[in-house]
Amino acid sequence: MKESSRRLRHPVVHLACFCHCIHYIRYLLETLFVHKVSAGHTPLKNLIKSCAFYWGFTSWIAYYINHPWYTPPSFGNRQVTVSAINFLICEAGNHFINVVLAHPNHTGNNACFPSPNYNPFTWMFFLVSCPNYTYEIGSWISFTVMTQTLPVGIFTLLMSIQMSLWAQKKHKIYLKKFSSYMHRKSAMIPFIL
């Protein structure tokens, strides 16, 4: 029975595992090597809450995607392929934005607004204040479309709400802090939010 169910597993199951791992490996490596740790540390209750949230959703997502009755996406391989490519593009964009945010300019002056450079992924700074959240949401929307499961959709919705709150808060800080900041930019989603 186990052997036959393993053979019948849709390739999107393995691709979803790969993409999910890529996302969190990127996140962990950026935490170790890109992000600067601030003077304040994360309170223990926030750490426990975050771990419970991410681990809980990861377990729920894995259960649905690996369930023997999992139904592959409605539009087949085209839906999976386009979503997987978009997911990888958004992951790359998120990485490059985080590198720019860690090193805002070549002079070492952190008192300036991060700006786009020669890397096309950073050109999102022309449109939004927080392109890292734009790319992050793009990754999770792509993952939702690729897997077509309820838990991923709920996770994406909750993360989108949280990131939009963070983006709006940062956007207001940028507006106050940088007088030359372009007021026509959006916080996270170009021309909308």
N, C-alpha and C. Protein backbone atom coordinates (compact mmCIF):
# COMPACT_ATOMS: atom_id res chain seq x y z
N MET A 1 0.83 -1.21 0.00
CA MET A 1 0.00 0.00 0.00
C MET A 1 0.86 1.26 0.00
N LYS A 2 1.88 1.29 0.86
CA LYS A 2 2.74 2.47 0.93
C LYS A 2 3.48 2.68 -0.38
N GLU A 3 3.92 1.57 -0.99
CA GLU A 3 4.67 1.69 -2.24
C GLU A 3 3.80 2.25 -3.36
N SER A 4 2.55 1.80 -3.43
CA SER A 4 1.68 2.29 -4.50
C SER A 4 1.31 3.76 -4.29
N SER A 5 1.13 4.17 -3.01
CA SER A 5 0.81 5.58 -2.77
C SER A 5 2.00 6.47 -3.06
N ARG A 6 3.21 5.95 -2.85
CA ARG A 6 4.41 6.73 -3.15
C ARG A 6 4.55 6.95 -4.65
N ARG A 7 4.20 5.93 -5.44
CA ARG A 7 4.30 6.05 -6.89
C ARG A 7 3.25 7.00 -7.45
N LEU A 8 2.09 7.08 -6.80
CA LEU A 8 1.00 7.90 -7.30
C LEU A 8 1.09 9.36 -6.85
N ARG A 9 2.03 9.65 -6.00
CA ARG A 9 2.16 11.02 -5.50
C ARG A 9 2.48 11.97 -6.66
N HIS A 10 1.75 13.06 -6.71
CA HIS A 10 1.93 14.05 -7.77
C HIS A 10 3.26 14.78 -7.57
N PRO A 11 3.95 15.13 -8.65
CA PRO A 11 5.24 15.84 -8.51
C PRO A 11 5.14 17.16 -7.75
N VAL A 12 3.96 17.79 -7.73
CA VAL A 12 3.82 19.05 -7.00
C VAL A 12 4.07 18.86 -5.51
N VAL A 13 3.85 17.67 -5.00
CA VAL A 13 4.10 17.39 -3.58
C VAL A 13 5.59 17.57 -3.28
N HIS A 14 6.43 17.00 -4.13
CA HIS A 14 7.88 17.13 -3.94
C HIS A 14 8.34 18.55 -4.21
N LEU A 15 7.76 19.19 -5.21
CA LEU A 15 8.11 20.57 -5.53
C LEU A 15 7.72 21.51 -4.38
N ALA A 16 6.57 21.27 -3.78
CA ALA A 16 6.14 22.09 -2.64
C ALA A 16 7.12 21.94 -1.48
N CYS A 17 7.56 20.73 -1.22
CA CYS A 17 8.54 20.50 -0.16
C CYS A 17 9.84 21.25 -0.47
N PHE A 18 10.28 21.16 -1.71
CA PHE A 18 11.51 21.84 -2.14
C PHE A 18 11.37 23.35 -1.96
N CYS A 19 10.27 23.92 -2.43
CA CYS A 19 10.07 25.38 -2.34
C CYS A 19 9.96 25.84 -0.89
N HIS A 20 9.25 25.09 -0.08
CA HIS A 20 9.10 25.44 1.33
C HIS A 20 10.47 25.42 2.02
N CYS A 21 11.26 24.40 1.72
CA CYS A 21 12.61 24.31 2.30
C CYS A 21 13.49 25.46 1.81
N ILE A 22 13.43 25.76 0.52
CA ILE A 22 14.22 26.87 -0.04
C ILE A 22 13.88 28.17 0.68
N HIS A 23 12.60 28.42 0.91
CA HIS A 23 12.18 29.66 1.57
C HIS A 23 12.82 29.78 2.95
N TYR A 24 12.71 28.73 3.74
CA TYR A 24 13.21 28.83 5.11
C TYR A 24 14.73 28.71 5.20
N ILE A 25 15.36 28.01 4.28
CA ILE A 25 16.83 28.00 4.23
C ILE A 25 17.34 29.39 3.90
N ARG A 26 16.71 30.05 2.91
CA ARG A 26 17.08 31.43 2.58
C ARG A 26 16.90 32.32 3.79
N TYR A 27 15.79 32.18 4.46
CA TYR A 27 15.48 33.00 5.63
C TYR A 27 16.53 32.80 6.73
N LEU A 28 16.87 31.56 7.01
CA LEU A 28 17.87 31.28 8.06
C LEU A 28 19.25 31.80 7.68
N LEU A 29 19.66 31.59 6.43
CA LEU A 29 20.97 32.09 5.99
C LEU A 29 21.03 33.61 6.03
N GLU A 30 19.95 34.27 5.64
CA GLU A 30 19.92 35.74 5.73
C GLU A 30 19.99 36.20 7.18
N THR A 31 19.31 35.49 8.05
CA THR A 31 19.35 35.85 9.47
C THR A 31 20.77 35.74 10.00
N LEU A 32 21.49 34.71 9.58
CA LEU A 32 22.86 34.52 10.05
C LEU A 32 23.86 35.47 9.41
N PHE A 33 23.73 35.71 8.11
CA PHE A 33 24.79 36.41 7.39
C PHE A 33 24.44 37.78 6.82
N VAL A 34 23.17 38.14 6.74
CA VAL A 34 22.80 39.41 6.11
C VAL A 34 22.26 40.41 7.12
N HIS A 35 21.29 39.99 7.91
CA HIS A 35 20.63 40.91 8.83
C HIS A 35 21.54 41.28 9.99
N LYS A 36 21.41 42.53 10.41
CA LYS A 36 22.15 43.00 11.58
C LYS A 36 21.24 42.84 12.80
N VAL A 37 21.80 42.28 13.84
CA VAL A 37 21.03 42.10 15.07
C VAL A 37 21.01 43.42 15.81
N SER A 38 19.82 43.86 16.17
CA SER A 38 19.70 45.14 16.89
C SER A 38 20.05 44.94 18.35
N ALA A 39 20.16 46.05 19.07
CA ALA A 39 20.52 46.00 20.48
C ALA A 39 19.46 45.27 21.29
N GLY A 40 18.20 45.44 20.92
CA GLY A 40 17.13 44.76 21.64
C GLY A 40 16.99 43.33 21.15
N HIS A 41 16.72 42.45 22.07
CA HIS A 41 16.55 41.05 21.70
C HIS A 41 15.07 40.71 21.70
N THR A 42 14.71 39.67 20.97
CA THR A 42 13.33 39.25 20.92
C THR A 42 12.92 38.68 22.26
N PRO A 43 11.85 39.19 22.84
CA PRO A 43 11.39 38.63 24.11
C PRO A 43 11.00 37.16 23.94
N LEU A 44 11.18 36.40 24.99
CA LEU A 44 10.92 34.96 24.95
C LEU A 44 9.49 34.66 24.53
N LYS A 45 8.52 35.45 25.01
CA LYS A 45 7.12 35.18 24.65
C LYS A 45 6.89 35.38 23.15
N ASN A 46 7.57 36.37 22.54
CA ASN A 46 7.44 36.56 21.09
C ASN A 46 8.08 35.41 20.32
N LEU A 47 9.21 34.92 20.81
CA LEU A 47 9.87 33.80 20.17
C LEU A 47 8.99 32.56 20.22
N ILE A 48 8.41 32.29 21.38
CA ILE A 48 7.53 31.13 21.54
C ILE A 48 6.31 31.27 20.65
N LYS A 49 5.73 32.47 20.61
CA LYS A 49 4.55 32.72 19.78
C LYS A 49 4.89 32.53 18.29
N SER A 50 6.02 33.06 17.86
CA SER A 50 6.43 32.92 16.45
C SER A 50 6.68 31.47 16.09
N CYS A 51 7.40 30.77 16.94
CA CYS A 51 7.68 29.35 16.67
C CYS A 51 6.39 28.54 16.60
N ALA A 52 5.48 28.78 17.53
CA ALA A 52 4.20 28.06 17.51
C ALA A 52 3.43 28.36 16.22
N PHE A 53 3.43 29.63 15.81
CA PHE A 53 2.72 30.02 14.59
C PHE A 53 3.32 29.33 13.37
N TYR A 54 4.63 29.46 13.17
CA TYR A 54 5.26 28.89 11.98
C TYR A 54 5.25 27.37 12.01
N TRP A 55 5.57 26.77 13.12
CA TRP A 55 5.58 25.30 13.20
C TRP A 55 4.17 24.74 13.05
N GLY A 56 3.20 25.42 13.66
CA GLY A 56 1.82 24.97 13.53
C GLY A 56 1.35 25.00 12.09
N PHE A 57 1.60 26.11 11.42
CA PHE A 57 1.20 26.21 10.02
C PHE A 57 1.99 25.25 9.14
N THR A 58 3.27 25.09 9.41
CA THR A 58 4.07 24.16 8.62
C THR A 58 3.52 22.74 8.75
N SER A 59 3.15 22.35 9.95
CA SER A 59 2.58 21.02 10.17
C SER A 59 1.25 20.86 9.43
N TRP A 60 0.41 21.88 9.52
CA TRP A 60 -0.89 21.83 8.86
C TRP A 60 -0.73 21.79 7.34
N ILE A 61 0.16 22.61 6.82
CA ILE A 61 0.43 22.64 5.38
C ILE A 61 0.97 21.29 4.92
N ALA A 62 1.95 20.76 5.65
CA ALA A 62 2.56 19.47 5.28
C ALA A 62 1.53 18.34 5.32
N TYR A 63 0.64 18.38 6.31
CA TYR A 63 -0.40 17.35 6.41
C TYR A 63 -1.28 17.36 5.16
N TYR A 64 -1.73 18.52 4.75
CA TYR A 64 -2.61 18.62 3.58
C TYR A 64 -1.90 18.23 2.29
N ILE A 65 -0.70 18.74 2.11
CA ILE A 65 -0.01 18.49 0.84
C ILE A 65 0.45 17.04 0.73
N ASN A 66 0.79 16.41 1.83
CA ASN A 66 1.27 15.02 1.81
C ASN A 66 0.17 14.00 2.05
N HIS A 67 -1.05 14.45 2.21
CA HIS A 67 -2.17 13.54 2.45
C HIS A 67 -2.40 12.67 1.20
N PRO A 68 -2.72 11.40 1.39
CA PRO A 68 -2.96 10.52 0.22
C PRO A 68 -4.09 11.02 -0.68
N TRP A 69 -5.04 11.78 -0.15
CA TRP A 69 -6.15 12.28 -0.95
C TRP A 69 -5.90 13.68 -1.50
N TYR A 70 -4.67 14.14 -1.41
CA TYR A 70 -4.34 15.47 -1.94
C TYR A 70 -4.67 15.52 -3.43
N THR A 71 -5.36 16.57 -3.83
CA THR A 71 -5.73 16.75 -5.23
C THR A 71 -4.79 17.76 -5.85
N PRO A 72 -4.10 17.39 -6.94
CA PRO A 72 -3.19 18.34 -7.60
C PRO A 72 -3.95 19.56 -8.12
N PRO A 73 -3.25 20.64 -8.40
CA PRO A 73 -3.87 21.87 -8.88
C PRO A 73 -4.76 21.65 -10.11
N SER A 74 -5.81 22.44 -10.19
CA SER A 74 -6.84 22.30 -11.22
C SER A 74 -6.31 22.42 -12.65
N PHE A 75 -5.36 23.33 -12.87
CA PHE A 75 -4.89 23.57 -14.24
C PHE A 75 -3.60 22.81 -14.56
N GLY A 76 -3.29 21.82 -13.75
CA GLY A 76 -2.19 20.91 -14.04
C GLY A 76 -0.81 21.51 -14.01
N ASN A 77 0.04 20.97 -14.86
CA ASN A 77 1.46 21.33 -14.86
C ASN A 77 1.71 22.79 -15.20
N ARG A 78 0.88 23.38 -16.04
CA ARG A 78 1.08 24.79 -16.39
C ARG A 78 0.94 25.66 -15.13
N GLN A 79 -0.07 25.41 -14.33
CA GLN A 79 -0.28 26.15 -13.08
C GLN A 79 0.90 25.94 -12.13
N VAL A 80 1.35 24.72 -12.01
CA VAL A 80 2.46 24.40 -11.10
C VAL A 80 3.75 25.06 -11.59
N THR A 81 4.03 24.95 -12.87
CA THR A 81 5.28 25.49 -13.42
C THR A 81 5.35 27.01 -13.30
N VAL A 82 4.29 27.69 -13.72
CA VAL A 82 4.27 29.16 -13.65
C VAL A 82 4.39 29.62 -12.20
N SER A 83 3.68 28.96 -11.31
CA SER A 83 3.74 29.33 -9.89
C SER A 83 5.11 29.08 -9.29
N ALA A 84 5.73 27.96 -9.64
CA ALA A 84 7.06 27.64 -9.12
C ALA A 84 8.10 28.65 -9.61
N ILE A 85 8.02 29.02 -10.88
CA ILE A 85 8.95 30.02 -11.42
C ILE A 85 8.75 31.36 -10.72
N ASN A 86 7.49 31.77 -10.56
CA ASN A 86 7.21 33.03 -9.87
C ASN A 86 7.68 32.97 -8.42
N PHE A 87 7.49 31.83 -7.77
CA PHE A 87 7.96 31.66 -6.39
C PHE A 87 9.47 31.88 -6.31
N LEU A 88 10.22 31.25 -7.21
CA LEU A 88 11.68 31.39 -7.19
C LEU A 88 12.13 32.82 -7.50
N ILE A 89 11.44 33.48 -8.42
CA ILE A 89 11.76 34.88 -8.73
C ILE A 89 11.52 35.76 -7.50
N CYS A 90 10.41 35.54 -6.83
CA CYS A 90 10.11 36.34 -5.62
C CYS A 90 11.10 36.04 -4.50
N GLU A 91 11.52 34.80 -4.36
CA GLU A 91 12.52 34.46 -3.34
C GLU A 91 13.84 35.16 -3.64
N ALA A 92 14.24 35.16 -4.92
CA ALA A 92 15.47 35.86 -5.30
C ALA A 92 15.33 37.36 -5.04
N GLY A 93 14.19 37.93 -5.42
CA GLY A 93 13.95 39.35 -5.17
C GLY A 93 14.01 39.69 -3.70
N ASN A 94 13.41 38.86 -2.87
CA ASN A 94 13.43 39.08 -1.43
C ASN A 94 14.86 39.07 -0.90
N HIS A 95 15.64 38.13 -1.38
CA HIS A 95 17.05 38.05 -0.95
C HIS A 95 17.81 39.32 -1.32
N PHE A 96 17.71 39.74 -2.56
CA PHE A 96 18.47 40.91 -3.01
C PHE A 96 18.01 42.19 -2.31
N ILE A 97 16.73 42.30 -2.03
CA ILE A 97 16.23 43.47 -1.29
C ILE A 97 16.79 43.46 0.13
N ASN A 98 16.82 42.30 0.77
CA ASN A 98 17.36 42.23 2.13
C ASN A 98 18.85 42.56 2.17
N VAL A 99 19.58 42.21 1.12
CA VAL A 99 21.00 42.58 1.05
C VAL A 99 21.13 44.10 0.94
N VAL A 100 20.30 44.72 0.09
CA VAL A 100 20.33 46.18 -0.05
C VAL A 100 19.94 46.85 1.26
N LEU A 101 18.94 46.32 1.95
CA LEU A 101 18.52 46.90 3.22
C LEU A 101 19.61 46.79 4.28
N ALA A 102 20.40 45.73 4.22
CA ALA A 102 21.49 45.56 5.18
C ALA A 102 22.65 46.50 4.88
N HIS A 103 22.81 46.86 3.60
CA HIS A 103 23.89 47.76 3.17
C HIS A 103 23.28 48.84 2.27
N PRO A 104 22.63 49.85 2.86
CA PRO A 104 21.88 50.82 2.06
C PRO A 104 22.68 51.62 1.04
N ASN A 105 23.94 51.88 1.30
CA ASN A 105 24.75 52.55 0.28
C ASN A 105 26.22 52.18 0.49
N HIS A 106 27.03 52.56 -0.44
CA HIS A 106 28.44 52.16 -0.40
C HIS A 106 29.27 52.97 0.58
N THR A 107 28.75 54.07 1.07
CA THR A 107 29.52 54.92 1.98
C THR A 107 29.44 54.45 3.42
N GLY A 108 28.53 53.51 3.69
CA GLY A 108 28.37 53.04 5.05
C GLY A 108 27.41 53.88 5.86
N ASN A 109 26.82 54.89 5.24
CA ASN A 109 25.87 55.76 5.93
C ASN A 109 24.49 55.10 5.92
N ASN A 110 24.02 54.69 7.08
CA ASN A 110 22.72 54.03 7.17
C ASN A 110 21.57 55.02 7.31
N ALA A 111 21.86 56.31 7.33
CA ALA A 111 20.83 57.33 7.52
C ALA A 111 20.20 57.77 6.22
N CYS A 112 20.20 56.92 5.22
CA CYS A 112 19.56 57.27 3.95
C CYS A 112 18.57 56.17 3.57
N PHE A 113 17.63 56.56 2.72
CA PHE A 113 16.64 55.59 2.27
C PHE A 113 17.30 54.65 1.27
N PRO A 114 17.08 53.33 1.42
CA PRO A 114 17.67 52.39 0.45
C PRO A 114 17.17 52.69 -0.96
N SER A 115 18.05 52.58 -1.91
CA SER A 115 17.65 52.89 -3.28
C SER A 115 18.04 51.75 -4.20
N PRO A 116 17.40 51.70 -5.37
CA PRO A 116 17.69 50.64 -6.33
C PRO A 116 19.11 50.77 -6.86
N ASN A 117 19.65 49.65 -7.28
CA ASN A 117 20.98 49.65 -7.90
C ASN A 117 20.90 48.94 -9.25
N TYR A 118 22.01 48.45 -9.74
CA TYR A 118 22.07 47.81 -11.05
C TYR A 118 21.27 46.51 -11.11
N ASN A 119 20.96 45.92 -9.96
CA ASN A 119 20.23 44.66 -9.90
C ASN A 119 18.74 44.91 -10.16
N PRO A 120 18.15 44.30 -11.21
CA PRO A 120 16.74 44.55 -11.53
C PRO A 120 15.77 44.22 -10.39
N PHE A 121 16.14 43.29 -9.52
CA PHE A 121 15.26 42.95 -8.40
C PHE A 121 15.08 44.13 -7.45
N THR A 122 16.06 45.01 -7.40
CA THR A 122 15.98 46.16 -6.48
C THR A 122 15.18 47.32 -7.07
N TRP A 123 14.79 47.23 -8.30
CA TRP A 123 14.05 48.32 -8.94
C TRP A 123 12.66 48.50 -8.33
N MET A 124 12.22 47.55 -7.53
CA MET A 124 10.94 47.69 -6.83
C MET A 124 10.95 48.89 -5.89
N PHE A 125 12.16 49.32 -5.48
CA PHE A 125 12.26 50.50 -4.62
C PHE A 125 11.72 51.75 -5.31
N PHE A 126 11.64 51.75 -6.65
CA PHE A 126 11.05 52.88 -7.36
C PHE A 126 9.56 53.00 -7.07
N LEU A 127 8.92 51.89 -6.74
CA LEU A 127 7.47 51.86 -6.58
C LEU A 127 6.98 51.76 -5.14
N VAL A 128 7.74 51.05 -4.30
CA VAL A 128 7.27 50.81 -2.93
C VAL A 128 8.38 51.05 -1.91
N SER A 129 7.97 51.28 -0.69
CA SER A 129 8.92 51.50 0.40
C SER A 129 9.49 50.19 0.94
N CYS A 130 8.69 49.15 0.91
CA CYS A 130 9.08 47.87 1.52
C CYS A 130 8.97 46.73 0.51
N PRO A 131 9.85 46.70 -0.49
CA PRO A 131 9.74 45.66 -1.51
C PRO A 131 10.02 44.26 -0.97
N ASN A 132 10.70 44.16 0.18
CA ASN A 132 10.92 42.84 0.75
C ASN A 132 9.59 42.18 1.09
N TYR A 133 8.63 42.97 1.58
CA TYR A 133 7.31 42.42 1.88
C TYR A 133 6.54 42.12 0.60
N THR A 134 6.74 42.93 -0.42
CA THR A 134 6.10 42.68 -1.72
C THR A 134 6.54 41.33 -2.26
N TYR A 135 7.85 41.10 -2.25
CA TYR A 135 8.37 39.82 -2.73
C TYR A 135 7.94 38.66 -1.84
N GLU A 136 7.92 38.87 -0.54
CA GLU A 136 7.51 37.81 0.40
C GLU A 136 6.07 37.39 0.13
N ILE A 137 5.20 38.36 -0.03
CA ILE A 137 3.80 38.04 -0.33
C ILE A 137 3.69 37.37 -1.69
N GLY A 138 4.48 37.83 -2.66
CA GLY A 138 4.49 37.18 -3.97
C GLY A 138 4.89 35.72 -3.88
N SER A 139 5.87 35.43 -3.04
CA SER A 139 6.28 34.03 -2.84
C SER A 139 5.14 33.19 -2.30
N TRP A 140 4.46 33.72 -1.27
CA TRP A 140 3.39 32.93 -0.64
C TRP A 140 2.15 32.83 -1.52
N ILE A 141 1.86 33.85 -2.30
CA ILE A 141 0.74 33.74 -3.25
C ILE A 141 1.07 32.68 -4.30
N SER A 142 2.30 32.68 -4.78
CA SER A 142 2.73 31.67 -5.75
C SER A 142 2.64 30.27 -5.17
N PHE A 143 3.07 30.14 -3.92
CA PHE A 143 3.01 28.83 -3.25
C PHE A 143 1.55 28.39 -3.08
N THR A 144 0.67 29.34 -2.80
CA THR A 144 -0.75 29.03 -2.67
C THR A 144 -1.32 28.53 -4.00
N VAL A 145 -1.01 29.23 -5.07
CA VAL A 145 -1.50 28.84 -6.39
C VAL A 145 -0.89 27.49 -6.80
N MET A 146 0.38 27.29 -6.49
CA MET A 146 1.06 26.05 -6.86
C MET A 146 0.46 24.84 -6.16
N THR A 147 0.16 24.96 -4.86
CA THR A 147 -0.33 23.81 -4.09
C THR A 147 -1.85 23.73 -4.06
N GLN A 148 -2.50 24.87 -4.18
CA GLN A 148 -3.96 24.97 -4.18
C GLN A 148 -4.56 24.29 -2.95
N THR A 149 -4.07 24.70 -1.75
CA THR A 149 -4.59 24.13 -0.51
C THR A 149 -5.06 25.24 0.42
N LEU A 150 -6.04 24.91 1.23
CA LEU A 150 -6.62 25.86 2.18
C LEU A 150 -5.61 26.35 3.22
N PRO A 151 -4.83 25.47 3.86
CA PRO A 151 -3.90 25.97 4.88
C PRO A 151 -2.89 26.98 4.34
N VAL A 152 -2.41 26.76 3.12
CA VAL A 152 -1.45 27.70 2.54
C VAL A 152 -2.15 29.03 2.26
N GLY A 153 -3.38 28.97 1.79
CA GLY A 153 -4.14 30.20 1.55
C GLY A 153 -4.38 31.00 2.82
N ILE A 154 -4.72 30.31 3.90
CA ILE A 154 -4.93 31.00 5.18
C ILE A 154 -3.63 31.59 5.68
N PHE A 155 -2.54 30.82 5.58
CA PHE A 155 -1.23 31.33 6.00
C PHE A 155 -0.86 32.56 5.19
N THR A 156 -1.06 32.51 3.88
CA THR A 156 -0.76 33.64 3.00
C THR A 156 -1.58 34.87 3.39
N LEU A 157 -2.85 34.68 3.66
CA LEU A 157 -3.71 35.79 4.07
C LEU A 157 -3.21 36.42 5.37
N LEU A 158 -2.94 35.60 6.38
CA LEU A 158 -2.48 36.12 7.67
C LEU A 158 -1.13 36.83 7.54
N MET A 159 -0.21 36.25 6.77
CA MET A 159 1.10 36.89 6.58
C MET A 159 0.96 38.19 5.79
N SER A 160 0.05 38.22 4.83
CA SER A 160 -0.17 39.45 4.06
C SER A 160 -0.69 40.57 4.94
N ILE A 161 -1.61 40.24 5.82
CA ILE A 161 -2.15 41.25 6.75
C ILE A 161 -1.04 41.77 7.65
N GLN A 162 -0.25 40.85 8.23
CA GLN A 162 0.82 41.26 9.14
C GLN A 162 1.87 42.11 8.42
N MET A 163 2.28 41.67 7.23
CA MET A 163 3.30 42.43 6.50
C MET A 163 2.78 43.78 6.03
N SER A 164 1.48 43.87 5.71
CA SER A 164 0.95 45.18 5.31
C SER A 164 0.97 46.14 6.50
N LEU A 165 0.72 45.65 7.70
CA LEU A 165 0.81 46.51 8.89
C LEU A 165 2.24 46.98 9.11
N TRP A 166 3.20 46.06 8.99
CA TRP A 166 4.62 46.44 9.14
C TRP A 166 5.03 47.44 8.06
N ALA A 167 4.59 47.19 6.82
CA ALA A 167 4.97 48.07 5.71
C ALA A 167 4.41 49.47 5.89
N GLN A 168 3.17 49.57 6.33
CA GLN A 168 2.57 50.89 6.54
C GLN A 168 3.29 51.64 7.66
N LYS A 169 3.68 50.93 8.69
CA LYS A 169 4.42 51.55 9.79
C LYS A 169 5.78 52.07 9.31
N LYS A 170 6.51 51.24 8.55
CA LYS A 170 7.81 51.66 8.01
C LYS A 170 7.65 52.83 7.04
N HIS A 171 6.61 52.76 6.22
CA HIS A 171 6.35 53.82 5.23
C HIS A 171 6.16 55.17 5.93
N LYS A 172 5.41 55.19 7.01
CA LYS A 172 5.20 56.43 7.77
C LYS A 172 6.51 56.93 8.36
N ILE A 173 7.34 56.02 8.84
CA ILE A 173 8.65 56.42 9.39
C ILE A 173 9.51 57.03 8.28
N TYR A 174 9.51 56.41 7.10
CA TYR A 174 10.29 56.95 5.98
C TYR A 174 9.80 58.34 5.59
N LEU A 175 8.49 58.53 5.58
CA LEU A 175 7.93 59.84 5.23
C LEU A 175 8.38 60.92 6.21
N LYS A 176 8.44 60.58 7.50
CA LYS A 176 8.86 61.54 8.51
C LYS A 176 10.37 61.76 8.49
N LYS A 177 11.12 60.68 8.31
CA LYS A 177 12.57 60.73 8.47
C LYS A 177 13.29 61.33 7.26
N PHE A 178 12.81 61.04 6.08
CA PHE A 178 13.50 61.47 4.86
C PHE A 178 12.67 62.51 4.12
N SER A 179 13.13 63.75 4.16
CA SER A 179 12.38 64.83 3.52
C SER A 179 12.37 64.68 2.00
N SER A 180 13.39 64.06 1.45
CA SER A 180 13.45 63.89 0.00
C SER A 180 12.72 62.63 -0.47
N TYR A 181 12.10 61.94 0.47
CA TYR A 181 11.39 60.71 0.14
C TYR A 181 10.22 61.00 -0.79
N MET A 182 10.05 60.16 -1.78
CA MET A 182 9.00 60.37 -2.77
C MET A 182 7.64 59.98 -2.19
N HIS A 183 6.73 60.93 -2.09
CA HIS A 183 5.42 60.68 -1.50
C HIS A 183 4.50 59.86 -2.39
N ARG A 184 4.85 59.71 -3.64
CA ARG A 184 3.96 58.97 -4.53
C ARG A 184 4.16 57.46 -4.42
N LYS A 185 5.16 57.03 -3.67
CA LYS A 185 5.38 55.60 -3.49
C LYS A 185 4.31 55.01 -2.59
N SER A 186 4.06 53.72 -2.79
CA SER A 186 3.16 52.98 -1.91
C SER A 186 4.01 52.29 -0.85
N ALA A 187 3.36 51.77 0.16
CA ALA A 187 4.09 51.08 1.23
C ALA A 187 4.57 49.71 0.77
N MET A 188 3.68 48.94 0.13
CA MET A 188 4.04 47.56 -0.17
C MET A 188 3.57 47.07 -1.54
N ILE A 189 2.36 47.43 -1.92
CA ILE A 189 1.83 46.99 -3.20
C ILE A 189 1.75 48.21 -4.11
N PRO A 190 2.47 48.19 -5.24
CA PRO A 190 2.52 49.37 -6.11
C PRO A 190 1.14 49.91 -6.47
N PHE A 191 0.97 51.22 -6.26
CA PHE A 191 -0.23 51.98 -6.61
C PHE A 191 -1.47 51.63 -5.79
N ILE A 192 -1.35 50.72 -4.82
CA ILE A 192 -2.52 50.29 -4.05
C ILE A 192 -2.34 50.52 -2.56
N LEU A 193 -1.34 49.89 -1.97
CA LEU A 193 -1.14 49.94 -0.51
C LEU A 193 0.28 50.34 -0.19
